[in-house]
Amino acid sequence: MKRKKEKLTEEDRVLWGRVARTTKPLEGKSFPDWPEAVGHDPQPPVPTPAADDRQAPKTTKRTPAPAIQDPRHIDRPTYGKLARGRLEIAGRVDLHGMTQEEAHMLLFSFLRRAYEADRRYVLVITGKGTSSRGEGVLRRSVPRWFATSPFREIVGGYEEAARNHGGAGALYVRLRKRGPRK
């Protein structure tokens, strides 16, 4: 039986590029140009020591990345009301099949409009991802986006949706209350 050669997906190429940069290239070789993920900060390449620097390995202090304040989760009673349909979900957005860039722009504009309209709870459908590639890209990315500056001002909390609303492929999002209007 002959194996079919599969091409790497863009996500796999980015991941492999990051792993490859952590290794020391063979003498006379350099790192290949691997693409970076959309919306991710590129990792700095690992410097290769010069021939005279190889005697004594240098130790560098690594400073931990600053903790990003994550929006709070939705409390149990509210989650139960949302799951049973006793609390209205004022809007929903489906991000299936979108790139991260498209999904980011659509999600922010949707949440901004819902916030401006004084809506309190919305449903964000990210999808679960495919079984061959593990957890979906948007499923991983959306909660991280909520901790970033433009979303943090409007998102008060989020939680994985109940099974009847999409389960692991969707999120209940609680929007913050707007301040007094002028």
N, C-alpha and C. Protein backbone atom coordinates (compact mmCIF):
# COMPACT_ATOMS: atom_id res chain seq x y z
N MET A 1 0.85 -1.18 0.00
CA MET A 1 0.00 0.00 0.00
C MET A 1 0.89 1.24 0.00
N LYS A 2 0.62 2.14 -0.89
CA LYS A 2 1.41 3.35 -1.04
C LYS A 2 0.79 4.49 -0.24
N ARG A 3 1.66 5.19 0.54
CA ARG A 3 1.16 6.32 1.32
C ARG A 3 1.05 7.56 0.46
N LYS A 4 -0.03 8.27 0.62
CA LYS A 4 -0.22 9.52 -0.09
C LYS A 4 0.55 10.61 0.65
N LYS A 5 1.33 11.38 -0.08
CA LYS A 5 2.06 12.48 0.54
C LYS A 5 1.10 13.62 0.82
N GLU A 6 1.08 14.02 2.09
CA GLU A 6 0.21 15.12 2.47
C GLU A 6 1.04 16.39 2.61
N LYS A 7 0.50 17.48 2.13
CA LYS A 7 1.18 18.76 2.27
C LYS A 7 0.84 19.34 3.63
N LEU A 8 1.80 20.07 4.21
CA LEU A 8 1.57 20.70 5.51
C LEU A 8 0.59 21.85 5.37
N THR A 9 -0.27 21.99 6.34
CA THR A 9 -1.17 23.14 6.35
C THR A 9 -0.35 24.36 6.78
N GLU A 10 -0.91 25.53 6.59
CA GLU A 10 -0.21 26.77 6.98
C GLU A 10 0.07 26.77 8.48
N GLU A 11 -0.90 26.31 9.26
CA GLU A 11 -0.73 26.26 10.71
C GLU A 11 0.42 25.32 11.09
N ASP A 12 0.50 24.15 10.42
CA ASP A 12 1.57 23.19 10.69
C ASP A 12 2.93 23.76 10.30
N ARG A 13 2.98 24.50 9.18
CA ARG A 13 4.24 25.10 8.75
C ARG A 13 4.73 26.14 9.76
N VAL A 14 3.80 26.93 10.30
CA VAL A 14 4.17 27.95 11.29
C VAL A 14 4.70 27.26 12.55
N LEU A 15 3.99 26.23 13.00
CA LEU A 15 4.41 25.51 14.19
C LEU A 15 5.78 24.87 13.98
N TRP A 16 5.98 24.23 12.83
CA TRP A 16 7.26 23.59 12.56
C TRP A 16 8.38 24.64 12.47
N GLY A 17 8.09 25.80 11.90
CA GLY A 17 9.08 26.86 11.82
C GLY A 17 9.52 27.32 13.20
N ARG A 18 8.58 27.40 14.13
CA ARG A 18 8.93 27.81 15.50
C ARG A 18 9.78 26.75 16.18
N VAL A 19 9.46 25.49 15.96
CA VAL A 19 10.25 24.41 16.54
C VAL A 19 11.65 24.41 15.92
N ALA A 20 11.72 24.58 14.62
CA ALA A 20 13.01 24.54 13.93
C ALA A 20 13.93 25.67 14.39
N ARG A 21 13.36 26.81 14.74
CA ARG A 21 14.19 27.94 15.19
C ARG A 21 14.83 27.71 16.56
N THR A 22 14.33 26.74 17.30
CA THR A 22 14.89 26.47 18.62
C THR A 22 16.11 25.55 18.54
N THR A 23 16.42 25.06 17.36
CA THR A 23 17.55 24.16 17.20
C THR A 23 18.74 24.89 16.63
N LYS A 24 19.91 24.27 16.70
CA LYS A 24 21.13 24.84 16.15
C LYS A 24 21.31 24.26 14.75
N PRO A 25 21.41 25.11 13.72
CA PRO A 25 21.56 24.58 12.37
C PRO A 25 22.93 23.93 12.17
N LEU A 26 23.00 23.01 11.21
CA LEU A 26 24.29 22.40 10.86
C LEU A 26 25.23 23.48 10.35
N GLU A 27 26.51 23.23 10.49
CA GLU A 27 27.51 24.20 10.05
C GLU A 27 27.35 24.46 8.56
N GLY A 28 27.32 25.73 8.21
CA GLY A 28 27.16 26.12 6.81
C GLY A 28 25.71 26.19 6.35
N LYS A 29 24.78 25.84 7.20
CA LYS A 29 23.35 25.88 6.85
C LYS A 29 22.70 27.03 7.58
N SER A 30 21.56 27.47 7.09
CA SER A 30 20.80 28.53 7.77
C SER A 30 19.36 28.06 7.91
N PHE A 31 18.60 28.83 8.69
CA PHE A 31 17.20 28.49 8.88
C PHE A 31 16.41 28.81 7.61
N PRO A 32 15.46 27.93 7.24
CA PRO A 32 14.61 28.26 6.10
C PRO A 32 13.63 29.37 6.50
N ASP A 33 13.10 30.07 5.52
CA ASP A 33 12.10 31.11 5.79
C ASP A 33 10.75 30.44 5.96
N TRP A 34 10.26 30.44 7.19
CA TRP A 34 8.95 29.87 7.49
C TRP A 34 7.98 31.01 7.75
N PRO A 35 6.72 30.86 7.34
CA PRO A 35 5.75 31.93 7.56
C PRO A 35 5.40 32.05 9.02
N GLU A 36 4.96 33.23 9.41
CA GLU A 36 4.49 33.47 10.78
C GLU A 36 2.98 33.42 10.79
N ALA A 37 2.43 33.07 11.93
CA ALA A 37 0.98 33.00 12.08
C ALA A 37 0.40 34.40 12.07
N VAL A 38 -0.80 34.52 11.51
CA VAL A 38 -1.49 35.81 11.48
C VAL A 38 -1.91 36.16 12.89
N GLY A 39 -1.61 37.37 13.32
CA GLY A 39 -2.03 37.83 14.63
C GLY A 39 -1.12 37.41 15.77
N HIS A 40 -0.02 36.69 15.46
CA HIS A 40 0.91 36.28 16.51
C HIS A 40 2.16 37.11 16.41
N ASP A 41 2.77 37.37 17.55
CA ASP A 41 4.05 38.05 17.56
C ASP A 41 5.12 37.06 17.18
N PRO A 42 5.97 37.40 16.22
CA PRO A 42 7.02 36.46 15.83
C PRO A 42 8.03 36.29 16.95
N GLN A 43 8.51 35.06 17.10
CA GLN A 43 9.54 34.80 18.09
C GLN A 43 10.87 35.25 17.53
N PRO A 44 11.72 35.85 18.36
CA PRO A 44 13.02 36.23 17.84
C PRO A 44 13.83 34.98 17.54
N PRO A 45 14.61 34.97 16.46
CA PRO A 45 15.39 33.78 16.13
C PRO A 45 16.46 33.55 17.20
N VAL A 46 16.76 32.28 17.42
CA VAL A 46 17.78 31.93 18.40
C VAL A 46 19.14 32.25 17.81
N PRO A 47 19.95 33.09 18.48
CA PRO A 47 21.24 33.43 17.92
C PRO A 47 22.18 32.24 17.95
N THR A 48 22.95 32.08 16.88
CA THR A 48 23.93 30.99 16.83
C THR A 48 25.26 31.54 17.31
N PRO A 49 25.91 30.85 18.22
CA PRO A 49 27.16 31.37 18.75
C PRO A 49 28.27 31.33 17.71
N ALA A 50 29.16 32.31 17.78
CA ALA A 50 30.32 32.34 16.89
C ALA A 50 31.30 31.27 17.34
N ALA A 51 32.28 30.94 16.51
CA ALA A 51 33.22 29.86 16.79
C ALA A 51 33.99 30.12 18.09
N ASP A 52 34.38 31.38 18.38
CA ASP A 52 35.15 31.66 19.58
C ASP A 52 34.29 31.72 20.83
N ASP A 53 32.97 31.84 20.68
CA ASP A 53 32.06 31.90 21.83
C ASP A 53 31.64 30.52 22.31
N ARG A 54 32.03 29.48 21.63
CA ARG A 54 31.53 28.14 21.94
C ARG A 54 32.14 27.53 23.19
N GLN A 55 33.25 28.08 23.70
CA GLN A 55 33.89 27.47 24.87
C GLN A 55 32.99 27.57 26.10
N ALA A 56 32.50 28.74 26.40
CA ALA A 56 31.71 28.94 27.61
C ALA A 56 30.27 29.31 27.22
N PRO A 57 29.32 28.42 27.57
CA PRO A 57 27.94 28.76 27.25
C PRO A 57 27.47 29.95 28.09
N LYS A 58 26.75 30.83 27.46
CA LYS A 58 26.23 32.01 28.15
C LYS A 58 24.85 31.70 28.69
N THR A 59 24.60 32.18 29.88
CA THR A 59 23.26 32.03 30.45
C THR A 59 22.59 33.39 30.42
N THR A 60 21.34 33.39 30.00
CA THR A 60 20.59 34.64 29.95
C THR A 60 19.38 34.50 30.86
N LYS A 61 19.04 35.58 31.50
CA LYS A 61 17.85 35.58 32.34
C LYS A 61 16.64 35.79 31.46
N ARG A 62 15.65 34.99 31.69
CA ARG A 62 14.40 35.14 30.96
C ARG A 62 13.40 35.80 31.88
N THR A 63 12.83 36.87 31.40
CA THR A 63 11.79 37.52 32.19
C THR A 63 10.45 36.95 31.77
N PRO A 64 9.61 36.61 32.73
CA PRO A 64 8.31 36.05 32.36
C PRO A 64 7.46 37.09 31.65
N ALA A 65 6.64 36.61 30.75
CA ALA A 65 5.75 37.50 30.01
C ALA A 65 4.75 38.11 30.99
N PRO A 66 4.39 39.38 30.81
CA PRO A 66 3.44 39.99 31.72
C PRO A 66 2.08 39.29 31.61
N ALA A 67 1.46 39.09 32.74
CA ALA A 67 0.17 38.40 32.78
C ALA A 67 -0.90 39.31 32.19
N ILE A 68 -1.68 38.75 31.29
CA ILE A 68 -2.78 39.50 30.69
C ILE A 68 -4.01 39.23 31.54
N GLN A 69 -4.66 40.28 31.94
CA GLN A 69 -5.85 40.11 32.77
C GLN A 69 -6.96 39.52 31.92
N ASP A 70 -7.41 38.36 32.31
CA ASP A 70 -8.43 37.63 31.59
C ASP A 70 -9.80 38.08 32.08
N PRO A 71 -10.77 38.28 31.17
CA PRO A 71 -12.11 38.63 31.63
C PRO A 71 -12.65 37.54 32.55
N ARG A 72 -13.44 37.95 33.51
CA ARG A 72 -14.00 36.98 34.45
C ARG A 72 -14.97 36.05 33.76
N HIS A 73 -15.13 34.89 34.36
CA HIS A 73 -16.09 33.93 33.83
C HIS A 73 -17.50 34.27 34.31
N ILE A 74 -18.48 33.71 33.66
CA ILE A 74 -19.87 33.95 34.00
C ILE A 74 -20.23 33.09 35.22
N ASP A 75 -20.92 33.67 36.19
CA ASP A 75 -21.27 32.95 37.41
C ASP A 75 -22.26 31.82 37.13
N ARG A 76 -22.31 30.84 38.02
CA ARG A 76 -23.14 29.63 37.84
C ARG A 76 -24.63 29.92 37.65
N PRO A 77 -25.25 30.74 38.49
CA PRO A 77 -26.69 30.96 38.29
C PRO A 77 -27.01 31.57 36.92
N THR A 78 -26.19 32.52 36.49
CA THR A 78 -26.41 33.15 35.19
C THR A 78 -26.19 32.15 34.07
N TYR A 79 -25.14 31.33 34.20
CA TYR A 79 -24.86 30.30 33.20
C TYR A 79 -26.06 29.35 33.07
N GLY A 80 -26.60 28.94 34.21
CA GLY A 80 -27.76 28.04 34.20
C GLY A 80 -28.96 28.66 33.50
N LYS A 81 -29.21 29.94 33.76
CA LYS A 81 -30.33 30.63 33.11
C LYS A 81 -30.12 30.73 31.61
N LEU A 82 -28.88 31.01 31.18
CA LEU A 82 -28.59 31.08 29.75
C LEU A 82 -28.78 29.70 29.10
N ALA A 83 -28.27 28.68 29.74
CA ALA A 83 -28.34 27.32 29.19
C ALA A 83 -29.79 26.84 29.06
N ARG A 84 -30.64 27.20 30.03
CA ARG A 84 -32.04 26.76 29.99
C ARG A 84 -32.94 27.69 29.19
N GLY A 85 -32.41 28.78 28.69
CA GLY A 85 -33.21 29.69 27.89
C GLY A 85 -34.02 30.68 28.71
N ARG A 86 -33.75 30.79 30.00
CA ARG A 86 -34.51 31.72 30.86
C ARG A 86 -33.94 33.13 30.80
N LEU A 87 -32.74 33.25 30.25
CA LEU A 87 -32.12 34.56 30.07
C LEU A 87 -31.87 34.72 28.58
N GLU A 88 -32.31 35.84 28.04
CA GLU A 88 -32.25 36.06 26.60
C GLU A 88 -30.82 36.22 26.09
N ILE A 89 -30.53 35.51 25.00
CA ILE A 89 -29.28 35.72 24.26
C ILE A 89 -29.64 36.73 23.19
N ALA A 90 -29.09 37.94 23.32
CA ALA A 90 -29.52 39.06 22.50
C ALA A 90 -28.95 39.04 21.08
N GLY A 91 -27.99 38.22 20.81
CA GLY A 91 -27.43 38.15 19.46
C GLY A 91 -26.47 37.00 19.36
N ARG A 92 -26.19 36.61 18.12
CA ARG A 92 -25.22 35.53 17.90
C ARG A 92 -24.44 35.80 16.63
N VAL A 93 -23.19 35.38 16.64
CA VAL A 93 -22.33 35.54 15.47
C VAL A 93 -21.64 34.21 15.22
N ASP A 94 -21.58 33.80 13.95
CA ASP A 94 -20.97 32.53 13.57
C ASP A 94 -19.67 32.82 12.84
N LEU A 95 -18.56 32.32 13.36
CA LEU A 95 -17.24 32.58 12.78
C LEU A 95 -16.70 31.39 11.98
N HIS A 96 -17.55 30.39 11.75
CA HIS A 96 -17.12 29.20 10.99
C HIS A 96 -16.49 29.57 9.65
N GLY A 97 -15.41 28.91 9.30
CA GLY A 97 -14.82 29.03 7.98
C GLY A 97 -14.10 30.33 7.71
N MET A 98 -13.88 31.14 8.72
CA MET A 98 -13.20 32.43 8.52
C MET A 98 -11.73 32.32 8.91
N THR A 99 -10.93 33.18 8.33
CA THR A 99 -9.54 33.28 8.76
C THR A 99 -9.53 34.03 10.09
N GLN A 100 -8.41 33.98 10.78
CA GLN A 100 -8.33 34.68 12.06
C GLN A 100 -8.54 36.18 11.88
N GLU A 101 -7.98 36.73 10.84
CA GLU A 101 -8.11 38.17 10.59
C GLU A 101 -9.56 38.56 10.34
N GLU A 102 -10.24 37.79 9.48
CA GLU A 102 -11.65 38.07 9.20
C GLU A 102 -12.50 37.91 10.46
N ALA A 103 -12.25 36.82 11.20
CA ALA A 103 -13.03 36.56 12.40
C ALA A 103 -12.80 37.65 13.45
N HIS A 104 -11.57 38.10 13.58
CA HIS A 104 -11.24 39.14 14.57
C HIS A 104 -12.02 40.43 14.26
N MET A 105 -12.00 40.85 13.00
CA MET A 105 -12.70 42.09 12.61
C MET A 105 -14.21 41.95 12.80
N LEU A 106 -14.77 40.81 12.34
CA LEU A 106 -16.21 40.60 12.46
C LEU A 106 -16.63 40.54 13.93
N LEU A 107 -15.87 39.80 14.74
CA LEU A 107 -16.21 39.66 16.15
C LEU A 107 -16.17 41.00 16.87
N PHE A 108 -15.14 41.78 16.62
CA PHE A 108 -15.04 43.07 17.30
C PHE A 108 -16.19 44.00 16.88
N SER A 109 -16.50 44.06 15.58
CA SER A 109 -17.58 44.95 15.15
C SER A 109 -18.92 44.46 15.70
N PHE A 110 -19.15 43.15 15.73
CA PHE A 110 -20.39 42.59 16.28
C PHE A 110 -20.52 42.93 17.76
N LEU A 111 -19.45 42.69 18.53
CA LEU A 111 -19.51 42.97 19.96
C LEU A 111 -19.66 44.46 20.24
N ARG A 112 -19.01 45.29 19.45
CA ARG A 112 -19.11 46.75 19.63
C ARG A 112 -20.55 47.20 19.38
N ARG A 113 -21.18 46.69 18.31
CA ARG A 113 -22.58 47.06 18.02
C ARG A 113 -23.51 46.58 19.13
N ALA A 114 -23.30 45.35 19.62
CA ALA A 114 -24.13 44.82 20.69
C ALA A 114 -23.95 45.64 21.97
N TYR A 115 -22.73 46.04 22.25
CA TYR A 115 -22.43 46.86 23.43
C TYR A 115 -23.11 48.22 23.32
N GLU A 116 -23.03 48.82 22.14
CA GLU A 116 -23.65 50.14 21.91
C GLU A 116 -25.18 50.06 22.01
N ALA A 117 -25.74 48.87 21.68
CA ALA A 117 -27.19 48.68 21.75
C ALA A 117 -27.63 48.20 23.14
N ASP A 118 -26.73 48.22 24.12
CA ASP A 118 -27.01 47.81 25.50
C ASP A 118 -27.48 46.36 25.61
N ARG A 119 -26.96 45.52 24.74
CA ARG A 119 -27.25 44.09 24.87
C ARG A 119 -26.32 43.53 25.92
N ARG A 120 -26.77 42.52 26.65
CA ARG A 120 -25.98 42.03 27.79
C ARG A 120 -25.29 40.71 27.49
N TYR A 121 -26.01 39.74 26.86
CA TYR A 121 -25.45 38.41 26.59
C TYR A 121 -25.57 38.08 25.11
N VAL A 122 -24.47 37.59 24.55
CA VAL A 122 -24.46 37.18 23.15
C VAL A 122 -23.78 35.81 23.05
N LEU A 123 -23.99 35.15 21.93
CA LEU A 123 -23.41 33.84 21.67
C LEU A 123 -22.42 33.97 20.52
N VAL A 124 -21.20 33.52 20.73
CA VAL A 124 -20.16 33.54 19.70
C VAL A 124 -19.87 32.10 19.32
N ILE A 125 -20.13 31.75 18.06
CA ILE A 125 -19.93 30.38 17.60
C ILE A 125 -18.58 30.32 16.88
N THR A 126 -17.65 29.57 17.47
CA THR A 126 -16.30 29.45 16.90
C THR A 126 -16.12 28.17 16.12
N GLY A 127 -16.89 27.15 16.43
CA GLY A 127 -16.68 25.83 15.86
C GLY A 127 -15.70 25.06 16.75
N LYS A 128 -15.71 23.76 16.62
CA LYS A 128 -14.86 22.93 17.48
C LYS A 128 -13.52 22.62 16.85
N GLY A 129 -13.38 22.82 15.55
CA GLY A 129 -12.15 22.43 14.88
C GLY A 129 -12.32 21.04 14.30
N THR A 130 -11.32 20.61 13.53
CA THR A 130 -11.39 19.28 12.93
C THR A 130 -10.63 18.30 13.80
N SER A 131 -11.04 17.07 13.75
CA SER A 131 -10.41 16.04 14.60
C SER A 131 -8.96 15.79 14.19
N SER A 132 -8.63 15.99 12.93
CA SER A 132 -7.26 15.72 12.49
C SER A 132 -6.28 16.77 12.99
N ARG A 133 -6.73 17.99 13.18
CA ARG A 133 -5.82 19.05 13.63
C ARG A 133 -6.05 19.44 15.09
N GLY A 134 -6.83 18.70 15.80
CA GLY A 134 -7.06 19.01 17.20
C GLY A 134 -8.03 20.15 17.37
N GLU A 135 -7.82 20.91 18.43
CA GLU A 135 -8.70 22.02 18.76
C GLU A 135 -8.63 23.09 17.67
N GLY A 136 -9.77 23.68 17.35
CA GLY A 136 -9.83 24.68 16.30
C GLY A 136 -9.05 25.95 16.62
N VAL A 137 -8.56 26.59 15.58
CA VAL A 137 -7.77 27.81 15.73
C VAL A 137 -8.60 28.92 16.36
N LEU A 138 -9.81 29.12 15.87
CA LEU A 138 -10.65 30.18 16.41
C LEU A 138 -11.10 29.85 17.83
N ARG A 139 -11.32 28.58 18.09
CA ARG A 139 -11.72 28.17 19.44
C ARG A 139 -10.64 28.53 20.46
N ARG A 140 -9.38 28.42 20.06
CA ARG A 140 -8.26 28.79 20.94
C ARG A 140 -8.06 30.30 20.98
N SER A 141 -8.23 30.96 19.84
CA SER A 141 -7.88 32.38 19.71
C SER A 141 -8.89 33.32 20.34
N VAL A 142 -10.17 33.06 20.19
CA VAL A 142 -11.19 33.99 20.65
C VAL A 142 -11.05 34.31 22.14
N PRO A 143 -10.89 33.33 23.05
CA PRO A 143 -10.71 33.70 24.46
C PRO A 143 -9.45 34.56 24.69
N ARG A 144 -8.40 34.33 23.92
CA ARG A 144 -7.20 35.17 24.05
C ARG A 144 -7.49 36.59 23.59
N TRP A 145 -8.29 36.73 22.55
CA TRP A 145 -8.64 38.08 22.06
C TRP A 145 -9.39 38.85 23.12
N PHE A 146 -10.25 38.16 23.88
CA PHE A 146 -11.04 38.85 24.91
C PHE A 146 -10.16 39.51 25.96
N ALA A 147 -8.95 39.02 26.13
CA ALA A 147 -8.03 39.59 27.13
C ALA A 147 -7.22 40.75 26.57
N THR A 148 -7.38 41.05 25.28
CA THR A 148 -6.62 42.15 24.68
C THR A 148 -7.40 43.46 24.77
N SER A 149 -6.68 44.54 24.56
CA SER A 149 -7.20 45.88 24.79
C SER A 149 -8.54 46.20 24.13
N PRO A 150 -8.74 46.02 22.83
CA PRO A 150 -10.03 46.48 22.31
C PRO A 150 -11.22 45.70 22.85
N PHE A 151 -11.04 44.41 23.13
CA PHE A 151 -12.15 43.60 23.62
C PHE A 151 -12.36 43.77 25.12
N ARG A 152 -11.29 43.96 25.87
CA ARG A 152 -11.36 44.01 27.32
C ARG A 152 -12.31 45.10 27.81
N GLU A 153 -12.42 46.20 27.06
CA GLU A 153 -13.28 47.31 27.47
C GLU A 153 -14.77 46.97 27.35
N ILE A 154 -15.12 45.98 26.52
CA ILE A 154 -16.54 45.68 26.32
C ILE A 154 -16.95 44.29 26.81
N VAL A 155 -16.00 43.36 26.93
CA VAL A 155 -16.33 41.99 27.37
C VAL A 155 -16.14 41.89 28.87
N GLY A 156 -17.21 41.54 29.57
CA GLY A 156 -17.15 41.40 31.02
C GLY A 156 -16.86 39.97 31.45
N GLY A 157 -17.17 39.00 30.62
CA GLY A 157 -16.92 37.61 30.94
C GLY A 157 -17.38 36.71 29.81
N TYR A 158 -16.93 35.47 29.86
CA TYR A 158 -17.33 34.49 28.86
C TYR A 158 -17.26 33.11 29.46
N GLU A 159 -17.97 32.17 28.84
CA GLU A 159 -17.98 30.79 29.31
C GLU A 159 -18.37 29.90 28.14
N GLU A 160 -17.87 28.68 28.13
CA GLU A 160 -18.25 27.72 27.09
C GLU A 160 -19.76 27.52 27.15
N ALA A 161 -20.39 27.49 25.99
CA ALA A 161 -21.85 27.39 25.92
C ALA A 161 -22.33 26.00 26.32
N ALA A 162 -23.60 25.95 26.69
CA ALA A 162 -24.23 24.67 27.00
C ALA A 162 -24.38 23.87 25.70
N ARG A 163 -24.58 22.58 25.86
CA ARG A 163 -24.64 21.69 24.71
C ARG A 163 -25.71 22.11 23.69
N ASN A 164 -26.85 22.56 24.17
CA ASN A 164 -27.93 22.94 23.26
C ASN A 164 -27.63 24.23 22.49
N HIS A 165 -26.60 24.97 22.89
CA HIS A 165 -26.21 26.19 22.18
C HIS A 165 -24.89 26.02 21.44
N GLY A 166 -24.38 24.80 21.33
CA GLY A 166 -23.14 24.57 20.59
C GLY A 166 -22.01 23.98 21.41
N GLY A 167 -22.18 23.89 22.72
CA GLY A 167 -21.19 23.25 23.57
C GLY A 167 -19.80 23.85 23.42
N ALA A 168 -18.82 22.99 23.21
CA ALA A 168 -17.43 23.42 23.14
C ALA A 168 -17.14 24.29 21.92
N GLY A 169 -18.05 24.34 20.97
CA GLY A 169 -17.84 25.14 19.76
C GLY A 169 -18.45 26.52 19.83
N ALA A 170 -18.91 26.93 21.03
CA ALA A 170 -19.54 28.24 21.17
C ALA A 170 -19.25 28.81 22.55
N LEU A 171 -19.39 30.12 22.67
CA LEU A 171 -19.14 30.81 23.93
C LEU A 171 -20.29 31.75 24.26
N TYR A 172 -20.73 31.74 25.53
CA TYR A 172 -21.61 32.79 26.00
C TYR A 172 -20.70 33.96 26.36
N VAL A 173 -21.05 35.15 25.93
CA VAL A 173 -20.25 36.34 26.24
C VAL A 173 -21.14 37.34 26.96
N ARG A 174 -20.68 37.79 28.13
CA ARG A 174 -21.38 38.84 28.87
C ARG A 174 -20.69 40.15 28.54
N LEU A 175 -21.46 41.10 28.04
CA LEU A 175 -20.91 42.42 27.72
C LEU A 175 -21.03 43.32 28.94
N ARG A 176 -20.10 44.23 29.06
CA ARG A 176 -20.11 45.17 30.18
C ARG A 176 -21.28 46.14 30.03
N LYS A 177 -21.70 46.71 31.14
CA LYS A 177 -22.73 47.73 31.09
C LYS A 177 -22.07 49.04 30.66
N ARG A 178 -22.80 49.80 29.87
CA ARG A 178 -22.28 51.09 29.42
C ARG A 178 -22.39 52.11 30.53
N GLY A 179 -21.45 53.03 30.54
CA GLY A 179 -21.48 54.11 31.52
C GLY A 179 -22.63 55.04 31.24
N PRO A 180 -22.82 56.05 32.08
CA PRO A 180 -23.93 56.99 31.85
C PRO A 180 -23.73 57.75 30.53
N ARG A 181 -24.83 57.91 29.84
CA ARG A 181 -24.77 58.60 28.53
C ARG A 181 -24.77 60.10 28.74
N LYS A 182 -24.11 60.76 27.84
CA LYS A 182 -24.01 62.24 27.93
C LYS A 182 -25.05 62.89 27.07
